Amino acid sequence: MKIELVTTLKRQATKILAELHESGEPVLITEHGRPSAYLVDVEDYKSMQRRIQLLEGIARGEQAIQEGRVMAHEEAQQAMSRWLK
């Protein structure tokens, strides 16, 4: 992972963005020697967001199972058929 100072980003944003798009490697931006933000390609960001949504859906399903909020396959089919009409 590439690391850049925020001042370098201010001065060389176009160059840093070009390198980001070429390599696909995120850039860690630091301020006062501390991590401040990540600069990532738009498509990589969208992909991460889709993965997060999928994982959150799985977590909700697992929570529903733990809480006993489940139904038989036949019940689910009936409920879905009502929604799809």
PDB file of N, CA and C in Angstrom:
ATOM      1  N   MET A   1       0.847  -1.180   0.000  1.00  0.00           N
ATOM      2  CA  MET A   1       0.000   0.000   0.000  1.00  0.00           C
ATOM      3  C   MET A   1       0.889   1.238   0.000  1.00  0.00           C
ATOM      4  N   LYS A   2       0.490   2.180  -0.786  1.00  0.00           N
ATOM      5  CA  LYS A   2       1.238   3.432  -0.885  1.00  0.00           C
ATOM      6  C   LYS A   2       0.771   4.383   0.219  1.00  0.00           C
ATOM      7  N   ILE A   3       1.705   5.140   0.768  1.00  0.00           N
ATOM      8  CA  ILE A   3       1.398   6.109   1.818  1.00  0.00           C
ATOM      9  C   ILE A   3       1.846   7.481   1.343  1.00  0.00           C
ATOM     10  N   GLU A   4       0.963   8.456   1.477  1.00  0.00           N
ATOM     11  CA  GLU A   4       1.273   9.829   1.073  1.00  0.00           C
ATOM     12  C   GLU A   4       0.852  10.805   2.165  1.00  0.00           C
ATOM     13  N   LEU A   5       1.600  11.880   2.285  1.00  0.00           N
ATOM     14  CA  LEU A   5       1.224  12.961   3.191  1.00  0.00           C
ATOM     15  C   LEU A   5       0.077  13.752   2.571  1.00  0.00           C
ATOM     16  N   VAL A   6      -0.762  14.328   3.402  1.00  0.00           N
ATOM     17  CA  VAL A   6      -1.865  15.139   2.887  1.00  0.00           C
ATOM     18  C   VAL A   6      -1.326  16.326   2.086  1.00  0.00           C
ATOM     19  N   THR A   7      -0.188  16.863   2.484  1.00  0.00           N
ATOM     20  CA  THR A   7       0.388  17.986   1.727  1.00  0.00           C
ATOM     21  C   THR A   7       0.837  17.545   0.336  1.00  0.00           C
ATOM     22  N   THR A   8       1.347  16.311   0.231  1.00  0.00           N
ATOM     23  CA  THR A   8       1.726  15.780  -1.075  1.00  0.00           C
ATOM     24  C   THR A   8       0.482  15.592  -1.935  1.00  0.00           C
ATOM     25  N   LEU A   9      -0.593  15.129  -1.335  1.00  0.00           N
ATOM     26  CA  LEU A   9      -1.853  14.964  -2.066  1.00  0.00           C
ATOM     27  C   LEU A   9      -2.331  16.308  -2.603  1.00  0.00           C
ATOM     28  N   LYS A  10      -2.223  17.344  -1.777  1.00  0.00           N
ATOM     29  CA  LYS A  10      -2.646  18.681  -2.215  1.00  0.00           C
ATOM     30  C   LYS A  10      -1.834  19.153  -3.413  1.00  0.00           C
ATOM     31  N   ARG A  11      -0.544  18.890  -3.392  1.00  0.00           N
ATOM     32  CA  ARG A  11       0.341  19.382  -4.456  1.00  0.00           C
ATOM     33  C   ARG A  11       0.339  18.510  -5.706  1.00  0.00           C
ATOM     34  N   GLN A  12       0.124  17.197  -5.512  1.00  0.00           N
ATOM     35  CA  GLN A  12       0.291  16.266  -6.625  1.00  0.00           C
ATOM     36  C   GLN A  12      -0.925  15.358  -6.813  1.00  0.00           C
ATOM     37  N   ALA A  13      -2.107  15.896  -6.629  1.00  0.00           N
ATOM     38  CA  ALA A  13      -3.324  15.086  -6.689  1.00  0.00           C
ATOM     39  C   ALA A  13      -3.463  14.352  -8.021  1.00  0.00           C
ATOM     40  N   THR A  14      -3.221  15.041  -9.120  1.00  0.00           N
ATOM     41  CA  THR A  14      -3.381  14.431 -10.442  1.00  0.00           C
ATOM     42  C   THR A  14      -2.437  13.240 -10.608  1.00  0.00           C
ATOM     43  N   LYS A  15      -1.194  13.411 -10.190  1.00  0.00           N
ATOM     44  CA  LYS A  15      -0.195  12.338 -10.298  1.00  0.00           C
ATOM     45  C   LYS A  15      -0.582  11.156  -9.415  1.00  0.00           C
ATOM     46  N   ILE A  16      -0.981  11.435  -8.183  1.00  0.00           N
ATOM     47  CA  ILE A  16      -1.351  10.372  -7.253  1.00  0.00           C
ATOM     48  C   ILE A  16      -2.576   9.612  -7.764  1.00  0.00           C
ATOM     49  N   LEU A  17      -3.558  10.338  -8.299  1.00  0.00           N
ATOM     50  CA  LEU A  17      -4.740   9.682  -8.861  1.00  0.00           C
ATOM     51  C   LEU A  17      -4.375   8.814 -10.064  1.00  0.00           C
ATOM     52  N   ALA A  18      -3.497   9.306 -10.922  1.00  0.00           N
ATOM     53  CA  ALA A  18      -3.071   8.521 -12.087  1.00  0.00           C
ATOM     54  C   ALA A  18      -2.405   7.225 -11.642  1.00  0.00           C
ATOM     55  N   GLU A  19      -1.544   7.306 -10.628  1.00  0.00           N
ATOM     56  CA  GLU A  19      -0.871   6.109 -10.106  1.00  0.00           C
ATOM     57  C   GLU A  19      -1.881   5.155  -9.467  1.00  0.00           C
ATOM     58  N   LEU A  20      -2.860   5.715  -8.777  1.00  0.00           N
ATOM     59  CA  LEU A  20      -3.908   4.898  -8.160  1.00  0.00           C
ATOM     60  C   LEU A  20      -4.667   4.120  -9.222  1.00  0.00           C
ATOM     61  N   HIS A  21      -5.071   4.789 -10.291  1.00  0.00           N
ATOM     62  CA  HIS A  21      -5.836   4.133 -11.356  1.00  0.00           C
ATOM     63  C   HIS A  21      -4.982   3.092 -12.078  1.00  0.00           C
ATOM     64  N   GLU A  22      -3.701   3.369 -12.220  1.00  0.00           N
ATOM     65  CA  GLU A  22      -2.804   2.442 -12.910  1.00  0.00           C
ATOM     66  C   GLU A  22      -2.548   1.189 -12.078  1.00  0.00           C
ATOM     67  N   SER A  23      -2.257   1.375 -10.801  1.00  0.00           N
ATOM     68  CA  SER A  23      -1.892   0.240  -9.949  1.00  0.00           C
ATOM     69  C   SER A  23      -3.091  -0.431  -9.291  1.00  0.00           C
ATOM     70  N   GLY A  24      -4.160   0.340  -9.069  1.00  0.00           N
ATOM     71  CA  GLY A  24      -5.315  -0.197  -8.347  1.00  0.00           C
ATOM     72  C   GLY A  24      -5.064  -0.327  -6.853  1.00  0.00           C
ATOM     73  N   GLU A  25      -3.898   0.117  -6.420  1.00  0.00           N
ATOM     74  CA  GLU A  25      -3.510   0.004  -5.014  1.00  0.00           C
ATOM     75  C   GLU A  25      -4.005   1.219  -4.229  1.00  0.00           C
ATOM     76  N   PRO A  26      -4.700   0.991  -3.103  1.00  0.00           N
ATOM     77  CA  PRO A  26      -5.165   2.120  -2.297  1.00  0.00           C
ATOM     78  C   PRO A  26      -3.993   2.965  -1.795  1.00  0.00           C
ATOM     79  N   VAL A  27      -4.296   4.221  -1.500  1.00  0.00           N
ATOM     80  CA  VAL A  27      -3.282   5.140  -0.976  1.00  0.00           C
ATOM     81  C   VAL A  27      -3.736   5.582   0.415  1.00  0.00           C
ATOM     82  N   LEU A  28      -2.866   5.403   1.384  1.00  0.00           N
ATOM     83  CA  LEU A  28      -3.141   5.859   2.742  1.00  0.00           C
ATOM     84  C   LEU A  28      -2.659   7.296   2.855  1.00  0.00           C
ATOM     85  N   ILE A  29      -3.559   8.188   3.223  1.00  0.00           N
ATOM     86  CA  ILE A  29      -3.216   9.601   3.393  1.00  0.00           C
ATOM     87  C   ILE A  29      -2.985   9.851   4.883  1.00  0.00           C
ATOM     88  N   THR A  30      -1.853  10.491   5.194  1.00  0.00           N
ATOM     89  CA  THR A  30      -1.543  10.770   6.591  1.00  0.00           C
ATOM     90  C   THR A  30      -1.535  12.270   6.855  1.00  0.00           C
ATOM     91  N   GLU A  31      -1.904  12.618   8.072  1.00  0.00           N
ATOM     92  CA  GLU A  31      -1.838  14.006   8.553  1.00  0.00           C
ATOM     93  C   GLU A  31      -1.079  13.990   9.871  1.00  0.00           C
ATOM     94  N   HIS A  32      -0.079  14.807   9.976  1.00  0.00           N
ATOM     95  CA  HIS A  32       0.719  14.907  11.204  1.00  0.00           C
ATOM     96  C   HIS A  32       1.235  13.541  11.636  1.00  0.00           C
ATOM     97  N   GLY A  33       1.608  12.717  10.648  1.00  0.00           N
ATOM     98  CA  GLY A  33       2.186  11.410  10.939  1.00  0.00           C
ATOM     99  C   GLY A  33       1.185  10.334  11.302  1.00  0.00           C
ATOM    100  N   ARG A  34      -0.098  10.650  11.236  1.00  0.00           N
ATOM    101  CA  ARG A  34      -1.131   9.671  11.602  1.00  0.00           C
ATOM    102  C   ARG A  34      -2.023   9.359  10.404  1.00  0.00           C
ATOM    103  N   PRO A  35      -2.478   8.116  10.297  1.00  0.00           N
ATOM    104  CA  PRO A  35      -3.404   7.772   9.217  1.00  0.00           C
ATOM    105  C   PRO A  35      -4.652   8.639   9.287  1.00  0.00           C
ATOM    106  N   SER A  36      -5.096   9.138   8.142  1.00  0.00           N
ATOM    107  CA  SER A  36      -6.244  10.033   8.105  1.00  0.00           C
ATOM    108  C   SER A  36      -7.350   9.517   7.198  1.00  0.00           C
ATOM    109  N   ALA A  37      -6.962   8.980   6.022  1.00  0.00           N
ATOM    110  CA  ALA A  37      -7.975   8.518   5.067  1.00  0.00           C
ATOM    111  C   ALA A  37      -7.329   7.578   4.059  1.00  0.00           C
ATOM    112  N   TYR A  38      -8.181   6.805   3.405  1.00  0.00           N
ATOM    113  CA  TYR A  38      -7.731   5.974   2.291  1.00  0.00           C
ATOM    114  C   TYR A  38      -8.287   6.553   1.006  1.00  0.00           C
ATOM    115  N   LEU A  39      -7.483   6.548  -0.016  1.00  0.00           N
ATOM    116  CA  LEU A  39      -7.900   6.959  -1.346  1.00  0.00           C
ATOM    117  C   LEU A  39      -7.974   5.676  -2.166  1.00  0.00           C
ATOM    118  N   VAL A  40      -9.188   5.357  -2.660  1.00  0.00           N
ATOM    119  CA  VAL A  40      -9.375   4.124  -3.425  1.00  0.00           C
ATOM    120  C   VAL A  40     -10.069   4.429  -4.744  1.00  0.00           C
ATOM    121  N   ASP A  41      -9.872   3.557  -5.706  1.00  0.00           N
ATOM    122  CA  ASP A  41     -10.513   3.669  -6.999  1.00  0.00           C
ATOM    123  C   ASP A  41     -12.032   3.523  -6.831  1.00  0.00           C
ATOM    124  N   VAL A  42     -12.793   4.231  -7.640  1.00  0.00           N
ATOM    125  CA  VAL A  42     -14.258   4.224  -7.528  1.00  0.00           C
ATOM    126  C   VAL A  42     -14.822   2.814  -7.668  1.00  0.00           C
ATOM    127  N   GLU A  43     -14.349   2.055  -8.640  1.00  0.00           N
ATOM    128  CA  GLU A  43     -14.874   0.699  -8.846  1.00  0.00           C
ATOM    129  C   GLU A  43     -14.544  -0.200  -7.662  1.00  0.00           C
ATOM    130  N   ASP A  44     -13.362  -0.043  -7.082  1.00  0.00           N
ATOM    131  CA  ASP A  44     -13.004  -0.812  -5.894  1.00  0.00           C
ATOM    132  C   ASP A  44     -13.920  -0.446  -4.731  1.00  0.00           C
ATOM    133  N   TYR A  45     -14.216   0.835  -4.587  1.00  0.00           N
ATOM    134  CA  TYR A  45     -15.107   1.290  -3.522  1.00  0.00           C
ATOM    135  C   TYR A  45     -16.505   0.689  -3.707  1.00  0.00           C
ATOM    136  N   LYS A  46     -17.024   0.732  -4.932  1.00  0.00           N
ATOM    137  CA  LYS A  46     -18.350   0.161  -5.196  1.00  0.00           C
ATOM    138  C   LYS A  46     -18.367  -1.332  -4.889  1.00  0.00           C
ATOM    139  N   SER A  47     -17.311  -2.025  -5.263  1.00  0.00           N
ATOM    140  CA  SER A  47     -17.206  -3.454  -4.990  1.00  0.00           C
ATOM    141  C   SER A  47     -17.209  -3.722  -3.482  1.00  0.00           C
ATOM    142  N   MET A  48     -16.472  -2.916  -2.735  1.00  0.00           N
ATOM    143  CA  MET A  48     -16.450  -3.063  -1.273  1.00  0.00           C
ATOM    144  C   MET A  48     -17.835  -2.826  -0.680  1.00  0.00           C
ATOM    145  N   GLN A  49     -18.544  -1.828  -1.182  1.00  0.00           N
ATOM    146  CA  GLN A  49     -19.889  -1.527  -0.684  1.00  0.00           C
ATOM    147  C   GLN A  49     -20.834  -2.698  -0.941  1.00  0.00           C
ATOM    148  N   ARG A  50     -20.747  -3.311  -2.134  1.00  0.00           N
ATOM    149  CA  ARG A  50     -21.590  -4.478  -2.442  1.00  0.00           C
ATOM    150  C   ARG A  50     -21.270  -5.631  -1.504  1.00  0.00           C
ATOM    151  N   ARG A  51     -19.998  -5.855  -1.243  1.00  0.00           N
ATOM    152  CA  ARG A  51     -19.599  -6.931  -0.325  1.00  0.00           C
ATOM    153  C   ARG A  51     -20.122  -6.672   1.078  1.00  0.00           C
ATOM    154  N   ILE A  52     -20.038  -5.440   1.528  1.00  0.00           N
ATOM    155  CA  ILE A  52     -20.536  -5.087   2.863  1.00  0.00           C
ATOM    156  C   ILE A  52     -22.038  -5.345   2.951  1.00  0.00           C
ATOM    157  N   GLN A  53     -22.786  -4.943   1.924  1.00  0.00           N
ATOM    158  CA  GLN A  53     -24.232  -5.172   1.921  1.00  0.00           C
ATOM    159  C   GLN A  53     -24.544  -6.658   1.978  1.00  0.00           C
ATOM    160  N   LEU A  54     -23.808  -7.467   1.231  1.00  0.00           N
ATOM    161  CA  LEU A  54     -24.011  -8.908   1.246  1.00  0.00           C
ATOM    162  C   LEU A  54     -23.727  -9.484   2.632  1.00  0.00           C
ATOM    163  N   LEU A  55     -22.614  -9.079   3.226  1.00  0.00           N
ATOM    164  CA  LEU A  55     -22.263  -9.566   4.564  1.00  0.00           C
ATOM    165  C   LEU A  55     -23.280  -9.125   5.613  1.00  0.00           C
ATOM    166  N   GLU A  56     -23.802  -7.903   5.489  1.00  0.00           N
ATOM    167  CA  GLU A  56     -24.824  -7.439   6.427  1.00  0.00           C
ATOM    168  C   GLU A  56     -26.095  -8.265   6.283  1.00  0.00           C
ATOM    169  N   GLY A  57     -26.458  -8.626   5.055  1.00  0.00           N
ATOM    170  CA  GLY A  57     -27.622  -9.475   4.825  1.00  0.00           C
ATOM    171  C   GLY A  57     -27.437 -10.849   5.444  1.00  0.00           C
ATOM    172  N   ILE A  58     -26.257 -11.412   5.294  1.00  0.00           N
ATOM    173  CA  ILE A  58     -25.962 -12.711   5.905  1.00  0.00           C
ATOM    174  C   ILE A  58     -26.047 -12.604   7.421  1.00  0.00           C
ATOM    175  N   ALA A  59     -25.498 -11.533   7.983  1.00  0.00           N
ATOM    176  CA  ALA A  59     -25.536 -11.340   9.441  1.00  0.00           C
ATOM    177  C   ALA A  59     -26.978 -11.215   9.936  1.00  0.00           C
ATOM    178  N   ARG A  60     -27.838 -10.493   9.179  1.00  0.00           N
ATOM    179  CA  ARG A  60     -29.247 -10.386   9.573  1.00  0.00           C
ATOM    180  C   ARG A  60     -29.923 -11.755   9.539  1.00  0.00           C
ATOM    181  N   GLY A  61     -29.592 -12.562   8.538  1.00  0.00           N
ATOM    182  CA  GLY A  61     -30.150 -13.907   8.444  1.00  0.00           C
ATOM    183  C   GLY A  61     -29.709 -14.781   9.600  1.00  0.00           C
ATOM    184  N   GLU A  62     -28.435 -14.705   9.941  1.00  0.00           N
ATOM    185  CA  GLU A  62     -27.935 -15.484  11.072  1.00  0.00           C
ATOM    186  C   GLU A  62     -28.603 -15.049  12.378  1.00  0.00           C
ATOM    187  N   GLN A  63     -28.804 -13.741  12.535  1.00  0.00           N
ATOM    188  CA  GLN A  63     -29.474 -13.225  13.738  1.00  0.00           C
ATOM    189  C   GLN A  63     -30.915 -13.721  13.795  1.00  0.00           C
ATOM    190  N   ALA A  64     -31.592 -13.727  12.661  1.00  0.00           N
ATOM    191  CA  ALA A  64     -32.979 -14.213  12.616  1.00  0.00           C
ATOM    192  C   ALA A  64     -33.040 -15.681  13.015  1.00  0.00           C
ATOM    193  N   ILE A  65     -32.079 -16.475  12.565  1.00  0.00           N
ATOM    194  CA  ILE A  65     -32.050 -17.892  12.938  1.00  0.00           C
ATOM    195  C   ILE A  65     -31.844 -18.032  14.434  1.00  0.00           C
ATOM    196  N   GLN A  66     -30.916 -17.265  15.006  1.00  0.00           N
ATOM    197  CA  GLN A  66     -30.660 -17.335  16.451  1.00  0.00           C
ATOM    198  C   GLN A  66     -31.882 -16.939  17.258  1.00  0.00           C
ATOM    199  N   GLU A  67     -32.668 -15.997  16.724  1.00  0.00           N
ATOM    200  CA  GLU A  67     -33.866 -15.532  17.430  1.00  0.00           C
ATOM    201  C   GLU A  67     -35.091 -16.390  17.131  1.00  0.00           C
ATOM    202  N   GLY A  68     -34.916 -17.393  16.291  1.00  0.00           N
ATOM    203  CA  GLY A  68     -36.025 -18.279  15.974  1.00  0.00           C
ATOM    204  C   GLY A  68     -37.013 -17.694  14.974  1.00  0.00           C
ATOM    205  N   ARG A  69     -36.634 -16.631  14.289  1.00  0.00           N
ATOM    206  CA  ARG A  69     -37.524 -16.018  13.291  1.00  0.00           C
ATOM    207  C   ARG A  69     -37.330 -16.721  11.954  1.00  0.00           C
ATOM    208  N   VAL A  70     -37.824 -17.943  11.876  1.00  0.00           N
ATOM    209  CA  VAL A  70     -37.695 -18.751  10.671  1.00  0.00           C
ATOM    210  C   VAL A  70     -39.057 -19.308  10.286  1.00  0.00           C
ATOM    211  N   MET A  71     -39.179 -19.785   9.060  1.00  0.00           N
ATOM    212  CA  MET A  71     -40.424 -20.409   8.627  1.00  0.00           C
ATOM    213  C   MET A  71     -40.091 -21.570   7.703  1.00  0.00           C
ATOM    214  N   ALA A  72     -41.040 -22.472   7.559  1.00  0.00           N
ATOM    215  CA  ALA A  72     -40.866 -23.626   6.689  1.00  0.00           C
ATOM    216  C   ALA A  72     -40.836 -23.159   5.232  1.00  0.00           C
ATOM    217  N   HIS A  73     -40.269 -23.990   4.384  1.00  0.00           N
ATOM    218  CA  HIS A  73     -40.149 -23.669   2.964  1.00  0.00           C
ATOM    219  C   HIS A  73     -41.516 -23.364   2.354  1.00  0.00           C
ATOM    220  N   GLU A  74     -42.509 -24.148   2.690  1.00  0.00           N
ATOM    221  CA  GLU A  74     -43.848 -23.952   2.137  1.00  0.00           C
ATOM    222  C   GLU A  74     -44.428 -22.601   2.561  1.00  0.00           C
ATOM    223  N   GLU A  75     -44.210 -22.231   3.810  1.00  0.00           N
ATOM    224  CA  GLU A  75     -44.684 -20.926   4.291  1.00  0.00           C
ATOM    225  C   GLU A  75     -44.001 -19.791   3.538  1.00  0.00           C
ATOM    226  N   ALA A  76     -42.720 -19.949   3.319  1.00  0.00           N
ATOM    227  CA  ALA A  76     -41.964 -18.918   2.601  1.00  0.00           C
ATOM    228  C   ALA A  76     -42.466 -18.788   1.166  1.00  0.00           C
ATOM    229  N   GLN A  77     -42.765 -19.913   0.526  1.00  0.00           N
ATOM    230  CA  GLN A  77     -43.288 -19.879  -0.843  1.00  0.00           C
ATOM    231  C   GLN A  77     -44.620 -19.136  -0.894  1.00  0.00           C
ATOM    232  N   GLN A  78     -45.492 -19.412   0.083  1.00  0.00           N
ATOM    233  CA  GLN A  78     -46.791 -18.740   0.111  1.00  0.00           C
ATOM    234  C   GLN A  78     -46.615 -17.236   0.322  1.00  0.00           C
ATOM    235  N   ALA A  79     -45.752 -16.862   1.235  1.00  0.00           N
ATOM    236  CA  ALA A  79     -45.519 -15.443   1.496  1.00  0.00           C
ATOM    237  C   ALA A  79     -44.945 -14.762   0.254  1.00  0.00           C
ATOM    238  N   MET A  80     -44.009 -15.400  -0.406  1.00  0.00           N
ATOM    239  CA  MET A  80     -43.404 -14.809  -1.600  1.00  0.00           C
ATOM    240  C   MET A  80     -44.406 -14.704  -2.731  1.00  0.00           C
ATOM    241  N   SER A  81     -45.282 -15.685  -2.874  1.00  0.00           N
ATOM    242  CA  SER A  81     -46.263 -15.624  -3.960  1.00  0.00           C
ATOM    243  C   SER A  81     -47.217 -14.458  -3.774  1.00  0.00           C
ATOM    244  N   ARG A  82     -47.526 -14.110  -2.522  1.00  0.00           N
ATOM    245  CA  ARG A  82     -48.383 -12.949  -2.255  1.00  0.00           C
ATOM    246  C   ARG A  82     -47.660 -11.660  -2.627  1.00  0.00           C
ATOM    247  N   TRP A  83     -46.368 -11.573  -2.352  1.00  0.00           N
ATOM    248  CA  TRP A  83     -45.598 -10.376  -2.655  1.00  0.00           C
ATOM    249  C   TRP A  83     -45.359 -10.203  -4.149  1.00  0.00           C
ATOM    250  N   LEU A  84     -45.302 -11.299  -4.871  1.00  0.00           N
ATOM    251  CA  LEU A  84     -44.961 -11.236  -6.283  1.00  0.00           C
ATOM    252  C   LEU A  84     -46.180 -11.045  -7.192  1.00  0.00           C
ATOM    253  N   LYS A  85     -47.359 -11.016  -6.613  1.00  0.00           N
ATOM    254  CA  LYS A  85     -48.567 -10.824  -7.429  1.00  0.00           C
ATOM    255  C   LYS A  85     -48.728  -9.392  -7.823  1.00  0.00           C
TER     256      LYS A  85
END
